[in-house]
């Protein structure tokens, strides 16, 4: 899918893991059950492109979500943050960098936590 077609679309699903060992076991589980191959990004993160939409497992205690986290792609992170706040969304984690891009987390009016990410600087 081209970047233009990804804008404002669900693009990623992130699953939490409590630690590096749980990440390893979860990665092995999904490989065994579904055949998904993972790319390690340090000891606390692995992602795959084999799962339909892209997905990852996050064991980083500072940045892992509390629950499964749907992630939406944008090409303009700051503008999207402003639009979410203006529409009544609540920012739960300010913009931060990670290997491959930047993102922030927010809650919608029904208290669902989601994230928006961009690979644009």
C-alpha atoms as a PDB file:
ATOM      1  CA  UNK A   1       0.000   0.000   0.000  1.00  0.00           C
ATOM      2  CA  UNK A   2       1.386   3.405  -0.913  1.00  0.00           C
ATOM      3  CA  UNK A   3       1.962   5.978   1.817  1.00  0.00           C
ATOM      4  CA  UNK A   4      -0.858   8.127   0.385  1.00  0.00           C
ATOM      5  CA  UNK A   5      -3.303   5.230   0.759  1.00  0.00           C
ATOM      6  CA  UNK A   6      -2.137   4.631   4.362  1.00  0.00           C
ATOM      7  CA  UNK A   7      -2.853   8.148   5.650  1.00  0.00           C
ATOM      8  CA  UNK A   8      -5.595   8.106   8.319  1.00  0.00           C
ATOM      9  CA  UNK A   9      -5.880   4.297   8.089  1.00  0.00           C
ATOM     10  CA  UNK A  10      -5.309   1.630  10.720  1.00  0.00           C
ATOM     11  CA  UNK A  11      -1.785   0.560   9.909  1.00  0.00           C
ATOM     12  CA  UNK A  12      -0.427  -1.386  12.864  1.00  0.00           C
ATOM     13  CA  UNK A  13      -1.450  -3.425  15.883  1.00  0.00           C
ATOM     14  CA  UNK A  14       0.885  -3.464  18.873  1.00  0.00           C
ATOM     15  CA  UNK A  15       0.688  -6.130  21.555  1.00  0.00           C
ATOM     16  CA  UNK A  16       2.255  -5.653  24.993  1.00  0.00           C
ATOM     17  CA  UNK A  17       4.673  -8.086  26.654  1.00  0.00           C
ATOM     18  CA  UNK A  18       5.763  -7.757  30.292  1.00  0.00           C
ATOM     19  CA  UNK A  19       9.466  -8.371  29.576  1.00  0.00           C
ATOM     20  CA  UNK A  20      11.971  -9.628  26.995  1.00  0.00           C
ATOM     21  CA  UNK A  21      11.322 -13.282  27.894  1.00  0.00           C
ATOM     22  CA  UNK A  22       7.562 -12.896  27.415  1.00  0.00           C
ATOM     23  CA  UNK A  23       8.232 -11.130  24.105  1.00  0.00           C
ATOM     24  CA  UNK A  24      10.377 -14.083  22.974  1.00  0.00           C
ATOM     25  CA  UNK A  25       7.702 -16.595  24.010  1.00  0.00           C
ATOM     26  CA  UNK A  26       4.926 -14.600  22.323  1.00  0.00           C
ATOM     27  CA  UNK A  27       6.957 -14.253  19.157  1.00  0.00           C
ATOM     28  CA  UNK A  28       7.550 -18.023  19.138  1.00  0.00           C
ATOM     29  CA  UNK A  29       3.831 -18.637  19.756  1.00  0.00           C
ATOM     30  CA  UNK A  30       2.761 -16.581  16.726  1.00  0.00           C
ATOM     31  CA  UNK A  31       5.484 -18.160  14.575  1.00  0.00           C
ATOM     32  CA  UNK A  32       4.397 -21.673  15.617  1.00  0.00           C
ATOM     33  CA  UNK A  33       0.677 -21.052  15.193  1.00  0.00           C
ATOM     34  CA  UNK A  34       0.548 -18.703  12.186  1.00  0.00           C
ATOM     35  CA  UNK A  35       4.045 -18.829  10.652  1.00  0.00           C
ATOM     36  CA  UNK A  36       4.706 -15.116  11.202  1.00  0.00           C
ATOM     37  CA  UNK A  37       8.385 -14.129  10.987  1.00  0.00           C
ATOM     38  CA  UNK A  38       9.643 -11.294  13.159  1.00  0.00           C
ATOM     39  CA  UNK A  39      12.337  -8.652  12.895  1.00  0.00           C
ATOM     40  CA  UNK A  40      13.936  -7.852  16.253  1.00  0.00           C
ATOM     41  CA  UNK A  41      14.433  -4.184  17.110  1.00  0.00           C
ATOM     42  CA  UNK A  42      16.530  -4.547  20.244  1.00  0.00           C
ATOM     43  CA  UNK A  43      15.686  -6.858  23.137  1.00  0.00           C
ATOM     44  CA  UNK A  44      12.284  -5.307  23.851  1.00  0.00           C
ATOM     45  CA  UNK A  45      10.593  -5.069  20.445  1.00  0.00           C
ATOM     46  CA  UNK A  46       9.843  -7.291  17.463  1.00  0.00           C
ATOM     47  CA  UNK A  47       7.616  -6.627  14.487  1.00  0.00           C
ATOM     48  CA  UNK A  48       6.190  -8.590  11.583  1.00  0.00           C
ATOM     49  CA  UNK A  49       4.647  -7.833   8.221  1.00  0.00           C
ATOM     50  CA  UNK A  50       3.180 -11.338   7.937  1.00  0.00           C
ATOM     51  CA  UNK A  51       0.044 -10.709  10.028  1.00  0.00           C
ATOM     52  CA  UNK A  52      -2.298  -8.922   7.609  1.00  0.00           C
ATOM     53  CA  UNK A  53      -1.741  -5.407   8.862  1.00  0.00           C
ATOM     54  CA  UNK A  54       1.708  -4.931  10.350  1.00  0.00           C
ATOM     55  CA  UNK A  55       2.009  -5.821  14.015  1.00  0.00           C
ATOM     56  CA  UNK A  56       4.569  -5.805  16.791  1.00  0.00           C
ATOM     57  CA  UNK A  57       5.226  -7.023  20.318  1.00  0.00           C
ATOM     58  CA  UNK A  58       6.486  -4.389  22.766  1.00  0.00           C
ATOM     59  CA  UNK A  59       8.245  -5.242  26.050  1.00  0.00           C
ATOM     60  CA  UNK A  60       9.754  -1.781  26.619  1.00  0.00           C
ATOM     61  CA  UNK A  61       8.553  -0.796  30.119  1.00  0.00           C
ATOM     62  CA  UNK A  62       8.548   2.929  29.209  1.00  0.00           C
ATOM     63  CA  UNK A  63       6.577   2.659  25.971  1.00  0.00           C
ATOM     64  CA  UNK A  64       4.599  -0.592  25.864  1.00  0.00           C
ATOM     65  CA  UNK A  65       0.828  -0.196  25.861  1.00  0.00           C
ATOM     66  CA  UNK A  66      -1.286  -1.555  28.707  1.00  0.00           C
ATOM     67  CA  UNK A  67      -3.533  -3.388  26.219  1.00  0.00           C
ATOM     68  CA  UNK A  68      -3.533  -4.186  22.522  1.00  0.00           C
ATOM     69  CA  UNK A  69      -3.062  -0.917  20.704  1.00  0.00           C
ATOM     70  CA  UNK A  70      -4.473  -0.058  17.277  1.00  0.00           C
ATOM     71  CA  UNK A  71      -2.174   2.386  15.512  1.00  0.00           C
ATOM     72  CA  UNK A  72      -3.175   4.821  12.755  1.00  0.00           C
ATOM     73  CA  UNK A  73      -0.688   6.199  10.226  1.00  0.00           C
ATOM     74  CA  UNK A  74      -0.386   9.893   9.343  1.00  0.00           C
ATOM     75  CA  UNK A  75       2.073  11.960   7.373  1.00  0.00           C
ATOM     76  CA  UNK A  76       1.715  14.941   9.771  1.00  0.00           C
ATOM     77  CA  UNK A  77       1.885  13.924  13.428  1.00  0.00           C
ATOM     78  CA  UNK A  78       1.607  17.395  14.977  1.00  0.00           C
ATOM     79  CA  UNK A  79      -1.458  18.356  12.926  1.00  0.00           C
ATOM     80  CA  UNK A  80      -3.177  15.062  13.761  1.00  0.00           C
ATOM     81  CA  UNK A  81      -2.468  15.601  17.479  1.00  0.00           C
ATOM     82  CA  UNK A  82      -4.108  19.043  17.294  1.00  0.00           C
ATOM     83  CA  UNK A  83      -7.150  17.651  15.469  1.00  0.00           C
ATOM     84  CA  UNK A  84      -7.605  14.882  18.062  1.00  0.00           C
ATOM     85  CA  UNK A  85      -7.473  17.348  20.972  1.00  0.00           C
ATOM     86  CA  UNK A  86      -9.835  19.771  19.191  1.00  0.00           C
ATOM     87  CA  UNK A  87     -12.346  16.948  18.642  1.00  0.00           C
ATOM     88  CA  UNK A  88     -12.344  15.998  22.337  1.00  0.00           C
ATOM     89  CA  UNK A  89      -9.676  13.284  22.403  1.00  0.00           C
ATOM     90  CA  UNK A  90      -7.344  13.052  25.401  1.00  0.00           C
ATOM     91  CA  UNK A  91      -3.595  12.661  24.872  1.00  0.00           C
ATOM     92  CA  UNK A  92      -2.311   9.855  27.116  1.00  0.00           C
ATOM     93  CA  UNK A  93       1.313   9.781  25.910  1.00  0.00           C
ATOM     94  CA  UNK A  94       2.972  12.746  24.236  1.00  0.00           C
ATOM     95  CA  UNK A  95       4.900  12.408  20.976  1.00  0.00           C
ATOM     96  CA  UNK A  96       7.989  10.225  21.324  1.00  0.00           C
ATOM     97  CA  UNK A  97      10.531   8.708  18.967  1.00  0.00           C
ATOM     98  CA  UNK A  98      11.167   5.023  18.343  1.00  0.00           C
ATOM     99  CA  UNK A  99      13.171   3.122  15.710  1.00  0.00           C
ATOM    100  CA  UNK A 100      11.376   3.926  12.467  1.00  0.00           C
ATOM    101  CA  UNK A 101       9.403   7.005  13.451  1.00  0.00           C
ATOM    102  CA  UNK A 102       7.453   8.882  16.117  1.00  0.00           C
ATOM    103  CA  UNK A 103       4.029   8.453  17.704  1.00  0.00           C
ATOM    104  CA  UNK A 104       1.644   9.538  20.443  1.00  0.00           C
ATOM    105  CA  UNK A 105      -1.238   7.820  22.257  1.00  0.00           C
ATOM    106  CA  UNK A 106      -4.727   9.146  22.858  1.00  0.00           C
ATOM    107  CA  UNK A 107      -8.143   8.123  24.167  1.00  0.00           C
ATOM    108  CA  UNK A 108     -11.321   8.624  22.182  1.00  0.00           C
ATOM    109  CA  UNK A 109     -14.635   9.663  23.816  1.00  0.00           C
ATOM    110  CA  UNK A 110     -15.455   5.993  24.569  1.00  0.00           C
ATOM    111  CA  UNK A 111     -12.159   5.647  26.513  1.00  0.00           C
ATOM    112  CA  UNK A 112     -10.444   3.466  23.865  1.00  0.00           C
ATOM    113  CA  UNK A 113      -6.695   4.041  23.730  1.00  0.00           C
ATOM    114  CA  UNK A 114      -5.208   4.280  20.251  1.00  0.00           C
ATOM    115  CA  UNK A 115      -2.015   5.689  18.760  1.00  0.00           C
ATOM    116  CA  UNK A 116      -1.023   7.704  15.739  1.00  0.00           C
ATOM    117  CA  UNK A 117       2.399   7.247  14.166  1.00  0.00           C
ATOM    118  CA  UNK A 118       4.448   8.715  11.345  1.00  0.00           C
ATOM    119  CA  UNK A 119       7.701   7.870   9.666  1.00  0.00           C
ATOM    120  CA  UNK A 120       8.002  11.559   8.676  1.00  0.00           C
ATOM    121  CA  UNK A 121      10.408  13.713  10.688  1.00  0.00           C
END
